[in-house]
C-alpha atoms as a PDB file:
ATOM      1  CA  MET A   1       6.192  24.182  -9.814  1.00  0.00           C
ATOM      2  CA  ALA A   2       8.022  21.950 -12.800  1.00  0.00           C
ATOM      3  CA  LEU A   3       7.028  18.002 -13.512  1.00  0.00           C
ATOM      4  CA  GLN A   4       9.078  16.150 -15.818  1.00  0.00           C
ATOM      5  CA  PRO A   5       6.535  14.807 -18.656  1.00  0.00           C
ATOM      6  CA  SER A   6       6.762  11.194 -17.735  1.00  0.00           C
ATOM      7  CA  LEU A   7       4.938  12.175 -14.510  1.00  0.00           C
ATOM      8  CA  ARG A   8       2.494  14.233 -15.921  1.00  0.00           C
ATOM      9  CA  PRO A   9      -0.509  11.987 -14.468  1.00  0.00           C
ATOM     10  CA  PHE A  10       0.507  13.672 -11.130  1.00  0.00           C
ATOM     11  CA  LEU A  11      -0.836  16.953 -12.476  1.00  0.00           C
ATOM     12  CA  ILE A  12      -4.741  17.655 -12.019  1.00  0.00           C
ATOM     13  CA  GLY A  13      -6.470  20.009 -14.295  1.00  0.00           C
ATOM     14  CA  ASN A  14      -5.302  22.338 -16.642  1.00  0.00           C
ATOM     15  CA  ASP A  15      -1.702  22.833 -17.005  1.00  0.00           C
ATOM     16  CA  ALA A  16      -2.240  26.152 -18.281  1.00  0.00           C
ATOM     17  CA  ALA A  17      -3.952  27.373 -15.014  1.00  0.00           C
ATOM     18  CA  PRO A  18      -2.040  30.475 -13.185  1.00  0.00           C
ATOM     19  CA  HIS A  19      -2.222  29.375 -10.075  1.00  0.00           C
ATOM     20  CA  THR A  20      -0.460  25.683  -8.796  1.00  0.00           C
ATOM     21  CA  LEU A  21      -1.443  24.054  -5.778  1.00  0.00           C
ATOM     22  CA  GLU A  22       1.003  21.239  -4.826  1.00  0.00           C
ATOM     23  CA  PHE A  23       0.975  18.097  -1.962  1.00  0.00           C
ATOM     24  CA  TYR A  24       3.874  16.585  -0.895  1.00  0.00           C
ATOM     25  CA  TYR A  25       2.377  13.085  -0.067  1.00  0.00           C
ATOM     26  CA  ASP A  26       3.643   9.877   1.759  1.00  0.00           C
ATOM     27  CA  ILE A  27       1.369   6.845   1.200  1.00  0.00           C
ATOM     28  CA  VAL A  28       2.299   5.489   5.001  1.00  0.00           C
ATOM     29  CA  CYS A  29       1.584   8.596   6.125  1.00  0.00           C
ATOM     30  CA  PRO A  30      -2.078   9.221   8.073  1.00  0.00           C
ATOM     31  CA  PHE A  31      -2.210  12.677   7.851  1.00  0.00           C
ATOM     32  CA  SER A  32      -1.534  12.180   4.135  1.00  0.00           C
ATOM     33  CA  LYS A  33      -4.207  10.073   3.945  1.00  0.00           C
ATOM     34  CA  LYS A  34      -6.770  12.426   5.430  1.00  0.00           C
ATOM     35  CA  SER A  35      -5.514  15.264   2.960  1.00  0.00           C
ATOM     36  CA  TYR A  36      -5.827  13.056  -0.093  1.00  0.00           C
ATOM     37  CA  ALA A  37      -9.612  11.940   0.820  1.00  0.00           C
ATOM     38  CA  ASN A  38     -10.611  15.667   0.685  1.00  0.00           C
ATOM     39  CA  LEU A  39      -8.185  16.288  -2.481  1.00  0.00           C
ATOM     40  CA  TYR A  40      -9.972  13.249  -4.285  1.00  0.00           C
ATOM     41  CA  ASN A  41     -13.338  13.966  -3.406  1.00  0.00           C
ATOM     42  CA  HIS A  42     -13.659  17.664  -2.978  1.00  0.00           C
ATOM     43  CA  LEU A  43     -10.347  19.418  -4.650  1.00  0.00           C
ATOM     44  CA  ARG A  44     -10.141  17.532  -7.867  1.00  0.00           C
ATOM     45  CA  PRO A  45     -13.751  17.964  -8.944  1.00  0.00           C
ATOM     46  CA  LEU A  46     -13.424  21.775  -8.484  1.00  0.00           C
ATOM     47  CA  VAL A  47     -10.322  21.826 -10.656  1.00  0.00           C
ATOM     48  CA  THR A  48     -11.010  19.637 -13.424  1.00  0.00           C
ATOM     49  CA  GLU A  49     -14.255  20.776 -14.230  1.00  0.00           C
ATOM     50  CA  GLY A  50     -15.572  23.154 -11.321  1.00  0.00           C
ATOM     51  CA  GLU A  51     -15.515  26.767 -10.763  1.00  0.00           C
ATOM     52  CA  LEU A  52     -11.620  26.576 -10.518  1.00  0.00           C
ATOM     53  CA  ALA A  53     -11.045  24.705 -13.293  1.00  0.00           C
ATOM     54  CA  SER A  54      -9.555  27.254 -15.388  1.00  0.00           C
ATOM     55  CA  LYS A  55      -7.506  29.184 -12.269  1.00  0.00           C
ATOM     56  CA  VAL A  56      -5.865  26.190 -10.196  1.00  0.00           C
ATOM     57  CA  LYS A  57      -3.926  22.907 -11.452  1.00  0.00           C
ATOM     58  CA  ILE A  58      -2.878  20.569  -8.501  1.00  0.00           C
ATOM     59  CA  ILE A  59       0.678  18.721  -8.208  1.00  0.00           C
ATOM     60  CA  ILE A  60       1.207  15.499  -6.470  1.00  0.00           C
ATOM     61  CA  ARG A  61       4.788  15.221  -4.937  1.00  0.00           C
ATOM     62  CA  LEU A  62       5.671  11.240  -4.014  1.00  0.00           C
ATOM     63  CA  HIS A  63       7.159  12.357  -0.486  1.00  0.00           C
ATOM     64  CA  PRO A  64       8.651   8.762   1.104  1.00  0.00           C
ATOM     65  CA  GLN A  65       9.749   9.305   4.711  1.00  0.00           C
ATOM     66  CA  PRO A  66      12.618   6.948   5.075  1.00  0.00           C
ATOM     67  CA  TRP A  67      11.909   6.376   8.788  1.00  0.00           C
ATOM     68  CA  HIS A  68       8.744   4.248   7.454  1.00  0.00           C
ATOM     69  CA  GLY A  69      10.492   1.064   6.268  1.00  0.00           C
ATOM     70  CA  SER A  70       7.620   0.035   3.427  1.00  0.00           C
ATOM     71  CA  SER A  71       7.527   3.659   2.445  1.00  0.00           C
ATOM     72  CA  MET A  72       9.462   3.104  -0.556  1.00  0.00           C
ATOM     73  CA  PHE A  73       7.588   0.136  -1.779  1.00  0.00           C
ATOM     74  CA  THR A  74       4.109   1.709  -1.593  1.00  0.00           C
ATOM     75  CA  HIS A  75       5.349   4.812  -3.824  1.00  0.00           C
ATOM     76  CA  GLU A  76       7.122   2.510  -6.436  1.00  0.00           C
ATOM     77  CA  ALA A  77       3.572   0.850  -6.985  1.00  0.00           C
ATOM     78  CA  VAL A  78       2.144   4.324  -7.286  1.00  0.00           C
ATOM     79  CA  LEU A  79       4.969   4.768  -9.960  1.00  0.00           C
ATOM     80  CA  ALA A  80       4.200   1.957 -11.733  1.00  0.00           C
ATOM     81  CA  VAL A  81       0.256   2.471 -11.694  1.00  0.00           C
ATOM     82  CA  ALA A  82       1.077   6.067 -13.400  1.00  0.00           C
ATOM     83  CA  ARG A  83       3.186   4.512 -16.139  1.00  0.00           C
ATOM     84  CA  VAL A  84       0.442   1.484 -17.041  1.00  0.00           C
ATOM     85  CA  ALA A  85      -2.961   3.435 -16.604  1.00  0.00           C
ATOM     86  CA  PRO A  86      -2.478   7.307 -16.023  1.00  0.00           C
ATOM     87  CA  GLU A  87      -6.115   7.516 -16.089  1.00  0.00           C
ATOM     88  CA  LEU A  88      -6.578   5.421 -13.118  1.00  0.00           C
ATOM     89  CA  LEU A  89      -3.841   6.737 -10.720  1.00  0.00           C
ATOM     90  CA  LEU A  90      -5.839   8.752  -8.644  1.00  0.00           C
ATOM     91  CA  ASP A  91      -7.899   6.058  -8.039  1.00  0.00           C
ATOM     92  CA  TYR A  92      -4.914   4.164  -7.175  1.00  0.00           C
ATOM     93  CA  LEU A  93      -4.292   6.433  -4.574  1.00  0.00           C
ATOM     94  CA  ASP A  94      -7.396   6.337  -3.283  1.00  0.00           C
ATOM     95  CA  ALA A  95      -7.788   2.741  -2.884  1.00  0.00           C
ATOM     96  CA  LEU A  96      -4.234   2.239  -1.269  1.00  0.00           C
ATOM     97  CA  TYR A  97      -4.614   5.030   1.257  1.00  0.00           C
ATOM     98  CA  LYS A  98      -7.619   3.326   2.611  1.00  0.00           C
ATOM     99  CA  ASP A  99      -6.045   0.001   2.655  1.00  0.00           C
ATOM    100  CA  SER A 100      -2.431   1.651   3.838  1.00  0.00           C
ATOM    101  CA  GLU A 101      -2.490   0.785   7.292  1.00  0.00           C
ATOM    102  CA  LYS A 102      -1.335  -2.506   6.272  1.00  0.00           C
ATOM    103  CA  PHE A 103       1.443  -1.168   5.044  1.00  0.00           C
ATOM    104  CA  TYR A 104       2.343   0.715   8.231  1.00  0.00           C
ATOM    105  CA  ASP A 105       5.467   0.153  10.352  1.00  0.00           C
ATOM    106  CA  ILE A 106       4.422  -2.911  12.776  1.00  0.00           C
ATOM    107  CA  PRO A 107       1.902  -4.816  10.317  1.00  0.00           C
ATOM    108  CA  ALA A 108       4.705  -4.619   7.553  1.00  0.00           C
ATOM    109  CA  SER A 109       7.953  -5.543   9.476  1.00  0.00           C
ATOM    110  CA  ASN A 110       6.166  -9.156   8.819  1.00  0.00           C
ATOM    111  CA  TYR A 111       6.838  -9.294   5.258  1.00  0.00           C
ATOM    112  CA  SER A 112       9.351  -9.210   2.998  1.00  0.00           C
ATOM    113  CA  ALA A 113      10.144  -7.156   0.163  1.00  0.00           C
ATOM    114  CA  VAL A 114       8.753  -9.074  -2.478  1.00  0.00           C
ATOM    115  CA  GLU A 115       5.570  -9.651  -0.164  1.00  0.00           C
ATOM    116  CA  ILE A 116       5.034  -6.062   0.246  1.00  0.00           C
ATOM    117  CA  ARG A 117       5.253  -5.466  -3.654  1.00  0.00           C
ATOM    118  CA  GLN A 118       2.487  -8.495  -4.175  1.00  0.00           C
ATOM    119  CA  LYS A 119       0.347  -6.929  -1.503  1.00  0.00           C
ATOM    120  CA  LEU A 120       0.166  -3.530  -3.114  1.00  0.00           C
ATOM    121  CA  VAL A 121      -0.382  -5.388  -6.583  1.00  0.00           C
ATOM    122  CA  GLU A 122      -3.518  -6.771  -4.913  1.00  0.00           C
ATOM    123  CA  VAL A 123      -4.676  -3.714  -3.787  1.00  0.00           C
ATOM    124  CA  GLY A 124      -4.740  -2.233  -7.387  1.00  0.00           C
ATOM    125  CA  ARG A 125      -6.298  -5.493  -9.132  1.00  0.00           C
ATOM    126  CA  PRO A 126      -9.895  -4.099  -8.135  1.00  0.00           C
ATOM    127  CA  VAL A 127      -9.015  -0.780  -9.880  1.00  0.00           C
ATOM    128  CA  LEU A 128      -6.943  -1.554 -12.772  1.00  0.00           C
ATOM    129  CA  GLY A 129      -8.063  -4.921 -13.394  1.00  0.00           C
ATOM    130  CA  GLN A 130      -5.594  -8.059 -13.944  1.00  0.00           C
ATOM    131  CA  GLU A 131      -4.250  -7.138 -17.060  1.00  0.00           C
ATOM    132  CA  LYS A 132      -2.919  -3.735 -16.180  1.00  0.00           C
ATOM    133  CA  MET A 133      -1.952  -4.850 -12.835  1.00  0.00           C
ATOM    134  CA  ASP A 134       0.204  -7.374 -14.027  1.00  0.00           C
ATOM    135  CA  LYS A 135       1.722  -5.005 -16.296  1.00  0.00           C
ATOM    136  CA  ALA A 136       2.738  -2.441 -13.309  1.00  0.00           C
ATOM    137  CA  GLN A 137       3.853  -5.819 -11.311  1.00  0.00           C
ATOM    138  CA  ASP A 138       6.232  -6.310 -14.034  1.00  0.00           C
ATOM    139  CA  LEU A 139       7.724  -2.762 -13.520  1.00  0.00           C
ATOM    140  CA  LEU A 140       8.606  -3.390  -9.889  1.00  0.00           C
ATOM    141  CA  VAL A 141      10.623  -6.316 -10.755  1.00  0.00           C
ATOM    142  CA  LEU A 142      14.300  -5.976  -9.671  1.00  0.00           C
ATOM    143  CA  ARG A 143      16.750  -5.629 -12.462  1.00  0.00           C
ATOM    144  CA  SER A 144      19.596  -7.813 -13.017  1.00  0.00           C
ATOM    145  CA  THR A 145      22.354  -6.149 -11.294  1.00  0.00           C
ATOM    146  CA  PRO A 146      22.605  -6.092  -7.396  1.00  0.00           C
ATOM    147  CA  ASN A 147      21.686  -2.551  -6.689  1.00  0.00           C
ATOM    148  CA  GLY A 148      20.233  -1.405  -9.789  1.00  0.00           C
ATOM    149  CA  GLY A 149      16.557  -0.805  -8.384  1.00  0.00           C
ATOM    150  CA  ASN A 150      13.723  -1.597 -10.702  1.00  0.00           C
ATOM    151  CA  ALA A 151      12.145   0.304 -13.914  1.00  0.00           C
ATOM    152  CA  VAL A 152      10.376   3.326 -11.605  1.00  0.00           C
ATOM    153  CA  THR A 153      13.393   4.087  -9.432  1.00  0.00           C
ATOM    154  CA  ASP A 154      14.806   6.840 -11.504  1.00  0.00           C
ATOM    155  CA  GLU A 155      11.168   8.404 -11.239  1.00  0.00           C
ATOM    156  CA  LEU A 156      11.057   8.147  -7.814  1.00  0.00           C
ATOM    157  CA  LYS A 157      14.742   9.671  -7.194  1.00  0.00           C
ATOM    158  CA  TYR A 158      13.233  12.581  -9.297  1.00  0.00           C
ATOM    159  CA  PHE A 159      10.577  13.170  -6.295  1.00  0.00           C
ATOM    160  CA  ILE A 160      12.909  12.510  -3.719  1.00  0.00           C
ATOM    161  CA  LYS A 161      15.647  14.579  -5.145  1.00  0.00           C
ATOM    162  CA  VAL A 162      12.897  17.898  -5.411  1.00  0.00           C
ATOM    163  CA  SER A 163      11.781  17.124  -1.910  1.00  0.00           C
ATOM    164  CA  ARG A 164      15.458  17.604  -0.597  1.00  0.00           C
ATOM    165  CA  GLN A 165      16.079  20.651  -2.913  1.00  0.00           C
ATOM    166  CA  ASN A 166      13.059  22.124  -1.903  1.00  0.00           C
ATOM    167  CA  SER A 167      13.657  21.243   1.697  1.00  0.00           C
ATOM    168  CA  ILE A 168      10.369  19.398   2.796  1.00  0.00           C
ATOM    169  CA  HIS A 169      10.413  17.892   6.049  1.00  0.00           C
ATOM    170  CA  VAL A 170       6.775  16.686   7.127  1.00  0.00           C
ATOM    171  CA  SER A 171       4.107  15.208   4.968  1.00  0.00           C
ATOM    172  CA  PRO A 172       1.640  16.725   3.982  1.00  0.00           C
ATOM    173  CA  THR A 173       3.226  19.669   2.687  1.00  0.00           C
ATOM    174  CA  VAL A 174       1.493  21.927   0.804  1.00  0.00           C
ATOM    175  CA  LEU A 175       2.709  24.743  -1.787  1.00  0.00           C
ATOM    176  CA  TRP A 176       0.744  27.514  -3.072  1.00  0.00           C
ATOM    177  CA  ASP A 177       2.486  29.012  -6.191  1.00  0.00           C
ATOM    178  CA  GLY A 178       5.687  27.494  -5.123  1.00  0.00           C
ATOM    179  CA  LEU A 179       5.673  28.556  -1.467  1.00  0.00           C
ATOM    180  CA  ILE A 180       4.988  26.460   1.509  1.00  0.00           C
ATOM    181  CA  VAL A 181       1.709  27.460   3.237  1.00  0.00           C
ATOM    182  CA  GLY A 182       2.104  26.081   7.001  1.00  0.00           C
ATOM    183  CA  GLU A 183      -1.835  26.839   7.841  1.00  0.00           C
ATOM    184  CA  ILE A 184      -2.964  24.584   5.597  1.00  0.00           C
ATOM    185  CA  SER A 185      -4.246  21.153   7.713  1.00  0.00           C
ATOM    186  CA  SER A 186      -5.072  18.080   6.847  1.00  0.00           C
ATOM    187  CA  SER A 187      -8.408  18.279   8.167  1.00  0.00           C
ATOM    188  CA  TRP A 188      -9.548  20.773   6.155  1.00  0.00           C
ATOM    189  CA  GLY A 189     -12.695  20.728   4.568  1.00  0.00           C
ATOM    190  CA  GLU A 190     -14.579  22.566   1.942  1.00  0.00           C
ATOM    191  CA  ALA A 191     -15.314  25.610   4.246  1.00  0.00           C
ATOM    192  CA  GLU A 192     -11.600  26.063   4.896  1.00  0.00           C
ATOM    193  CA  TRP A 193     -10.327  25.711   1.363  1.00  0.00           C
ATOM    194  CA  SER A 194     -13.230  27.794  -0.031  1.00  0.00           C
ATOM    195  CA  LYS A 195     -11.916  30.923   2.483  1.00  0.00           C
ATOM    196  CA  PHE A 196      -8.339  29.771   1.113  1.00  0.00           C
ATOM    197  CA  PHE A 197      -9.336  30.113  -2.433  1.00  0.00           C
ATOM    198  CA  GLY A 198     -11.548  33.298  -1.663  1.00  0.00           C
ATOM    199  CA  GLU A 199      -8.513  35.267  -0.525  1.00  0.00           C
ATOM    200  CA  ARG A 200      -5.449  34.335  -2.339  1.00  0.00           C
ATOM    201  CA  LEU A 201      -7.231  33.832  -6.170  1.00  0.00           C
ATOM    202  CA  LYS A 202      -6.359  37.054  -8.200  1.00  0.00           C
ATOM    203  CA  VAL A 203      -6.855  35.555 -11.810  1.00  0.00           C
END
């Protein structure tokens, strides 16, 4: 349930809330897309200003799956946005998921790495504005060494290491207070979540 300080924007709600709901998401996974739409529209208001505000916090953990070639690029873009505009991270994620199919395997196969990163920047301009998205784009520029990554590579490595350490395989995977809850479905709506919280909230 720990989260390194630089990734604080991926925590939603009150850090002191006693219960933690963690979502492992891949941007180019259609099931993660469905799950995030529910998180964004239903769960987020509950834990920030609703009845769960003092009881549950949410952590989003990026979980790029290597069999999707463009997945790493999409997660780099998310990390860059988190760095320059943390208050708009969830809105960028919403916009990116809505436009995510252009980064699926076959559509993305027509573009170079540079072109994919540019398209990810374009997704963010209506959300962040020109100036902030330009700053995010700067973070995606490769360093001078041949294999040195970019400014957000270390944070991407952190997320990947957490996934490997916890044996996370599929996306989305959801944890409640540190334990995987296999019954949670990406299709869950308000009724299913209400039942889930009703059964588990003790504090």
